Protein backbone atom coordinates (compact mmCIF):
# COMPACT_ATOMS: atom_id res chain seq x y z
CA MET A 1 25.45 -17.50 8.42
CA ARG A 2 28.43 -18.89 10.31
CA TRP A 3 29.81 -15.44 10.76
CA TYR A 4 26.53 -14.21 12.29
CA ARG A 5 26.59 -17.27 14.58
CA ARG A 6 30.13 -16.68 15.55
CA ALA A 7 29.54 -12.94 16.33
CA ALA A 8 26.17 -13.72 18.07
CA ALA A 9 28.08 -16.22 20.34
CA LYS A 10 30.33 -13.30 21.35
CA ASP A 11 27.16 -11.34 22.18
CA HIS A 12 27.39 -8.96 19.28
CA ILE A 13 23.87 -7.48 19.40
CA GLY A 14 23.68 -6.50 15.75
CA ALA A 15 24.75 -10.01 14.70
CA LYS A 16 22.09 -11.40 16.90
CA VAL A 17 19.35 -9.43 15.23
CA GLU A 18 20.64 -10.28 11.70
CA LEU A 19 20.84 -13.87 12.67
CA ALA A 20 17.27 -13.65 14.09
CA GLN A 21 15.94 -12.20 10.83
CA HIS A 22 17.43 -15.17 8.80
CA LEU A 23 15.97 -17.67 11.25
CA VAL A 24 12.51 -16.27 11.35
CA PHE A 25 12.19 -16.12 7.58
CA GLY A 26 14.34 -19.19 6.79
CA VAL A 27 16.80 -17.18 4.61
CA GLY A 28 20.06 -18.97 4.10
CA THR A 29 19.29 -21.35 6.94
CA ASP A 30 16.52 -23.58 8.13
CA LYS A 31 13.50 -21.64 9.64
CA ASN A 32 13.49 -21.49 13.44
CA LEU A 33 10.89 -19.07 14.69
CA GLU A 34 11.50 -19.99 18.32
CA GLU A 35 15.16 -19.24 18.14
CA GLY A 36 14.67 -16.13 16.08
CA VAL A 37 12.12 -14.60 18.49
CA ALA A 38 14.26 -15.39 21.51
CA LEU A 39 17.20 -13.51 19.95
CA LEU A 40 15.03 -10.53 19.08
CA THR A 41 13.37 -10.53 22.42
CA ASP A 42 16.74 -10.39 24.30
CA ALA A 43 18.04 -7.53 22.09
CA ALA A 44 14.79 -5.64 22.33
CA ALA A 45 14.84 -5.97 25.98
CA ARG A 46 18.28 -4.46 25.99
CA GLY A 47 16.95 -1.38 24.25
CA TYR A 48 18.41 -2.05 20.74
CA ALA A 49 16.08 -0.23 18.27
CA PRO A 50 16.32 -2.50 15.23
CA ALA A 51 15.31 -5.49 17.35
CA GLN A 52 12.43 -3.54 18.88
CA LEU A 53 11.33 -2.75 15.23
CA ARG A 54 11.53 -6.34 14.05
CA LEU A 55 9.95 -7.84 17.03
CA GLY A 56 7.24 -5.23 16.85
CA TRP A 57 6.41 -6.52 13.23
CA LEU A 58 6.29 -10.03 14.58
CA HIS A 59 3.72 -9.14 17.21
CA ILE A 60 1.72 -7.13 14.74
CA MET A 61 1.75 -10.24 12.24
CA GLY A 62 1.38 -12.84 14.96
CA ARG A 63 4.45 -14.58 13.45
CA GLY A 64 6.24 -16.81 16.03
CA VAL A 65 4.41 -15.01 18.89
CA LYS A 66 0.80 -14.34 19.70
CA GLU A 67 -0.60 -11.45 17.66
CA ASP A 68 -0.68 -8.46 19.93
CA GLN A 69 -1.17 -5.09 18.19
CA ALA A 70 -0.75 -3.10 21.33
CA ARG A 71 2.64 -4.75 22.07
CA GLY A 72 3.70 -4.26 18.47
CA PHE A 73 2.80 -0.54 18.70
CA GLU A 74 4.68 -0.35 22.00
CA LEU A 75 7.79 -1.77 20.51
CA PHE A 76 7.61 0.56 17.47
CA THR A 77 7.20 3.57 19.86
CA LYS A 78 10.37 2.61 21.75
CA ALA A 79 12.44 2.20 18.59
CA ALA A 80 11.08 5.40 17.11
CA ALA A 81 11.91 7.31 20.16
CA GLN A 82 15.59 6.19 19.55
CA GLY A 83 15.34 7.67 15.94
CA GLU A 84 14.73 4.38 14.05
CA ALA A 85 13.13 5.76 10.88
CA SER A 86 11.23 2.63 9.81
CA ALA A 87 9.72 2.59 13.39
CA GLN A 88 8.72 6.25 13.05
CA VAL A 89 6.79 5.42 9.83
CA GLU A 90 5.08 2.46 11.58
CA VAL A 91 4.08 4.58 14.44
CA GLY A 92 2.75 7.31 12.11
CA GLU A 93 0.73 4.66 10.12
CA VAL A 94 -0.79 3.41 13.43
CA LEU A 95 -1.67 6.92 14.42
CA ARG A 96 -3.10 7.69 10.93
CA ARG A 97 -5.31 4.72 10.97
CA ARG A 98 -6.34 4.95 14.57
CA SER A 99 -8.28 8.30 14.09
CA ALA A 100 -9.27 10.58 11.43
CA GLY A 101 -9.13 13.55 13.69
CA PRO A 102 -6.83 16.40 13.08
CA GLU A 103 -4.73 15.87 16.29
CA ALA A 104 -3.97 12.21 15.53
CA GLN A 105 -3.29 12.97 11.91
CA HIS A 106 -0.88 15.69 12.84
CA GLU A 107 0.97 13.44 15.19
CA ALA A 108 1.29 10.90 12.26
CA VAL A 109 2.63 13.66 10.02
CA LEU A 110 5.28 14.54 12.55
CA MET A 111 6.45 11.03 12.67
CA PHE A 112 6.56 10.91 8.89
CA LEU A 113 8.55 14.02 8.95
CA LYS A 114 11.17 12.70 11.27
CA ALA A 115 11.59 9.63 8.95
CA ALA A 116 11.67 11.90 5.94
CA GLN A 117 14.45 13.91 7.22
CA LYS A 118 16.46 10.71 7.49
CA LEU A 119 15.59 10.26 3.76
CA HIS A 120 13.44 7.22 4.51
CA PHE A 121 11.43 6.51 1.51
CA GLY A 122 8.21 5.54 3.39
CA GLY A 123 8.47 8.71 5.35
CA MET A 124 9.14 11.07 2.43
CA ARG A 125 6.22 9.46 0.29
CA LYS A 126 3.72 9.63 3.29
CA LEU A 127 4.70 13.24 4.07
CA ALA A 128 4.27 14.29 0.50
CA ASP A 129 0.92 12.72 0.35
CA HIS A 130 -0.27 14.44 3.52
CA TYR A 131 0.88 17.82 2.15
CA LEU A 132 -1.01 17.15 -1.11
CA HIS A 133 -4.14 16.20 0.50
CA GLY A 134 -4.13 18.46 3.59
CA ARG A 135 -4.31 15.52 6.03
CA GLY A 136 -2.91 16.45 9.47
CA VAL A 137 -1.05 19.41 8.07
CA ALA A 138 -1.99 22.47 5.90
CA VAL A 139 -1.79 21.81 2.13
CA ASN A 140 1.64 22.66 0.86
CA TYR A 141 2.29 21.91 -2.70
CA PRO A 142 5.88 23.19 -2.96
CA ARG A 143 6.87 21.04 0.00
CA ALA A 144 5.19 18.05 -1.32
CA ILE A 145 6.74 18.29 -4.80
CA ALA A 146 10.15 18.91 -3.13
CA TRP A 147 9.98 15.66 -1.15
CA LEU A 148 8.66 13.80 -4.32
CA LYS A 149 11.65 15.12 -6.23
CA ILE A 150 14.02 13.83 -3.60
CA CYS A 151 12.44 10.53 -3.81
CA ALA A 152 12.51 10.35 -7.48
CA LEU A 153 16.20 10.83 -7.35
CA SER A 154 16.36 7.07 -6.56
CA ARG A 155 14.90 6.43 -10.12
CA GLU A 156 12.27 4.02 -8.54
CA LEU A 157 9.51 3.92 -11.04
CA GLN A 158 6.70 4.46 -8.52
CA ASP A 159 8.49 7.56 -7.29
CA GLN A 160 9.00 8.96 -10.84
CA ALA A 161 5.37 8.31 -11.48
CA ARG A 162 4.11 10.05 -8.34
CA LEU A 163 6.38 13.18 -9.17
CA ALA A 164 5.16 13.29 -12.79
CA LEU A 165 1.54 13.16 -11.76
CA ALA A 166 2.02 15.88 -9.12
CA LEU A 167 3.64 18.13 -11.60
CA ALA A 168 1.02 17.39 -14.27
CA SER A 169 -2.21 17.47 -12.11
CA CYS A 170 -1.52 19.73 -9.12
CA PRO A 171 -4.87 21.52 -8.25
CA ASP A 172 -2.90 24.80 -8.19
CA ALA A 173 -1.81 25.64 -11.66
CA LYS A 174 1.26 27.69 -10.37
CA PHE A 175 2.92 24.49 -9.40
CA ARG A 176 2.31 22.49 -12.55
CA ASN A 177 5.18 21.94 -14.89
CA PRO A 178 3.89 19.99 -17.99
CA ALA A 179 7.35 19.91 -19.64
CA GLU A 180 9.21 18.39 -16.59
CA ALA A 181 6.25 16.09 -16.06
CA VAL A 182 6.54 14.74 -19.63
CA GLU A 183 10.40 14.37 -19.27
CA ILE A 184 10.08 12.37 -16.09
CA ALA A 185 7.23 10.25 -17.24
CA ALA A 186 8.72 9.38 -20.59
CA GLN A 187 11.85 8.20 -18.74
CA ALA A 188 9.72 5.97 -16.43
CA VAL A 189 7.68 4.42 -19.39
CA LYS A 190 10.90 3.73 -21.26
CA ARG A 191 12.22 1.77 -18.20
CA LEU A 192 9.02 -0.39 -17.90
CA GLY A 193 10.10 -3.92 -18.68
CA THR A 194 6.45 -4.65 -19.35
CA ASP A 195 3.14 -2.86 -18.88
CA GLU A 196 2.01 -5.65 -16.50
CA CYS A 197 4.65 -5.14 -13.93
CA PRO A 198 3.45 -3.90 -10.51
CA GLU A 199 4.30 -0.30 -11.33
CA GLY A 200 2.85 -0.43 -14.88
CA PRO A 201 -0.59 1.06 -14.30
CA ALA A 202 0.67 3.95 -12.12
CA VAL A 203 3.51 4.75 -14.46
CA LEU A 204 1.17 4.68 -17.66
CA GLN A 205 -1.54 6.75 -15.93
CA ALA A 206 1.02 9.37 -14.67
CA ALA A 207 2.51 9.58 -18.21
CA ALA A 208 -0.87 9.99 -19.73
CA ALA A 209 -1.62 12.83 -17.30
CA ALA A 210 1.76 14.45 -18.04
CA TYR A 211 1.21 14.43 -21.87
CA ALA A 212 -2.41 15.75 -21.39
CA SER A 213 -1.06 18.54 -19.21
CA ALA A 214 1.19 19.49 -22.25
CA ALA A 215 -1.88 19.26 -24.48
CA LYS A 216 -0.64 16.12 -26.27
CA PHE A 217 -3.93 14.40 -26.05
CA ASP A 218 -3.22 11.72 -28.60
CA LYS A 219 -0.35 10.48 -26.65
CA ALA A 220 -2.28 10.68 -23.43
CA GLU A 221 -5.15 8.64 -24.86
CA GLU A 222 -2.63 5.96 -26.10
CA LEU A 223 -0.96 5.71 -22.70
CA GLU A 224 -4.40 5.80 -20.75
CA THR A 225 -5.57 2.94 -23.05
CA ARG A 226 -2.58 0.93 -22.25
CA ALA A 227 -3.19 1.56 -18.54
CA ALA A 228 -6.85 0.45 -18.90
CA ARG A 229 -5.79 -2.72 -20.53
CA VAL A 230 -3.41 -3.56 -17.80
CA ILE A 231 -5.80 -2.70 -15.04
CA LYS A 232 -8.20 -5.18 -16.65
CA ALA A 233 -5.65 -7.85 -17.15
CA MET A 234 -4.39 -7.64 -13.61
CA PHE A 235 -7.81 -7.77 -12.13
CA LEU A 236 -7.31 -4.56 -10.29
CA PRO A 237 -10.22 -2.99 -8.29
CA ALA A 238 -13.28 -1.82 -10.27
CA GLU A 239 -12.76 1.71 -8.91
CA GLN A 240 -9.50 1.82 -10.54
CA ALA A 241 -10.94 0.82 -13.90
CA SER A 242 -13.79 3.31 -13.62
CA GLU A 243 -11.15 6.08 -12.89
CA SER A 244 -9.17 5.07 -15.89
CA ALA A 245 -12.24 5.21 -18.10
CA ARG A 246 -13.08 8.65 -16.80
CA ARG A 247 -9.49 10.01 -17.56
CA LEU A 248 -9.56 8.41 -20.93
CA GLU A 249 -12.87 10.17 -21.81
CA ALA A 250 -11.27 13.46 -20.65
CA TYR A 251 -8.43 13.04 -22.94
CA GLN A 252 -10.61 12.15 -25.85
CA ASN A 253 -12.31 15.43 -25.12
CA GLN A 254 -9.05 17.35 -25.12
CA GLU A 255 -9.28 17.99 -21.25
CA PRO A 256 -6.28 17.47 -18.94
CA TYR A 257 -6.50 15.49 -15.67
CA VAL A 258 -6.31 17.84 -12.69
CA GLU A 259 -6.49 16.46 -9.13
CA ALA A 260 -9.54 17.84 -7.13
CA ALA A 261 -8.36 20.48 -4.60
CA PRO A 262 -8.68 19.23 -0.93
CA GLU A 263 -11.29 20.74 1.30
CA SER A 264 -9.91 23.76 3.08
CA LYS A 265 -9.65 23.13 6.72
CA ALA A 266 -9.67 26.08 9.19
CA GLY A 267 -6.84 26.03 11.67
CA ALA A 268 -4.88 23.40 9.85
CA GLN A 269 -1.38 23.09 11.40
CA THR A 270 1.77 23.88 9.52
CA LEU A 271 5.22 22.20 9.96
CA PRO A 272 7.79 24.87 10.65
CA GLU A 273 10.30 22.03 11.36
CA ASP A 274 10.28 21.09 7.82
CA THR A 275 13.02 22.83 5.97
CA VAL A 276 13.08 20.83 2.74
CA LEU A 277 12.67 24.02 0.57
CA GLU A 278 15.63 25.61 2.24
CA ASP A 279 17.73 22.37 2.44
CA PHE A 280 16.78 20.87 -0.86
CA ASP A 281 20.20 20.96 -2.46
CA SER A 282 21.81 19.31 0.64
CA LEU A 283 19.16 16.66 0.92
CA ALA A 284 19.37 15.90 -2.86
CA LEU A 285 23.11 15.59 -2.49
CA ARG A 286 22.69 13.13 0.43
CA MET A 287 20.26 11.10 -1.54
CA THR A 288 22.49 10.71 -4.59
CA SER A 289 25.68 10.25 -2.68
CA GLY A 290 24.23 7.71 -0.19
CA TYR A 291 24.82 9.65 3.01
């Protein structure tokens, strides 16, 4: 902390923002919201995108400042315009929630794409989800799976689960790959410390779907039974328990789980700016090398 204070005293803007973060949350020092907010406000006023992002969050949460959703969105927008990937995701989320109309949803997708191209996990996950469900953009399973594959290179359990599920249950059979889904899901299950960790239900259900897609229904039933047990133990929503029961019944009847195809939308916009399929190798290299 003393190094942040020394650098901040010399008007190092990055140090001021890091110091503010510690002060706001009381990490490594006593909590001091007033000082933290003052530092962020000064840096944000000088156009520093990371400060605009963090101050925006404080306004959204009403932490140390009066809750002001409009001011928070304004700050996110300013940071996003400077290329701050996390702010681009936040702007996209606000747009997505603000209206279900196609134009607002497409604007959200464009923001997620900008963040995804910087290999921001939130941007990549949300963009893939919009491709899979045709929200704000035309359904595109190859691009969705490509972005999920790049995410999964991090070996985060949730990303491995998402990828395995997409490969196992894609509505278009051309893009299913049961063998790859089983391989990825088996790795994720093996790495689960306990079924009752936050990622447990998603990993177990994705693995069950993967094995079912490969016609290994006994294994699918075993995994879905474990998932159902965890969903109950963790007091997760009743809808999740009902869906698990539905899948379990399907596996018992020797039926794989396949996602419902999204409704076809006339005039759905595409994203010619998204070159993930053409640039997959270079993006994957950047992800694994940390650049």
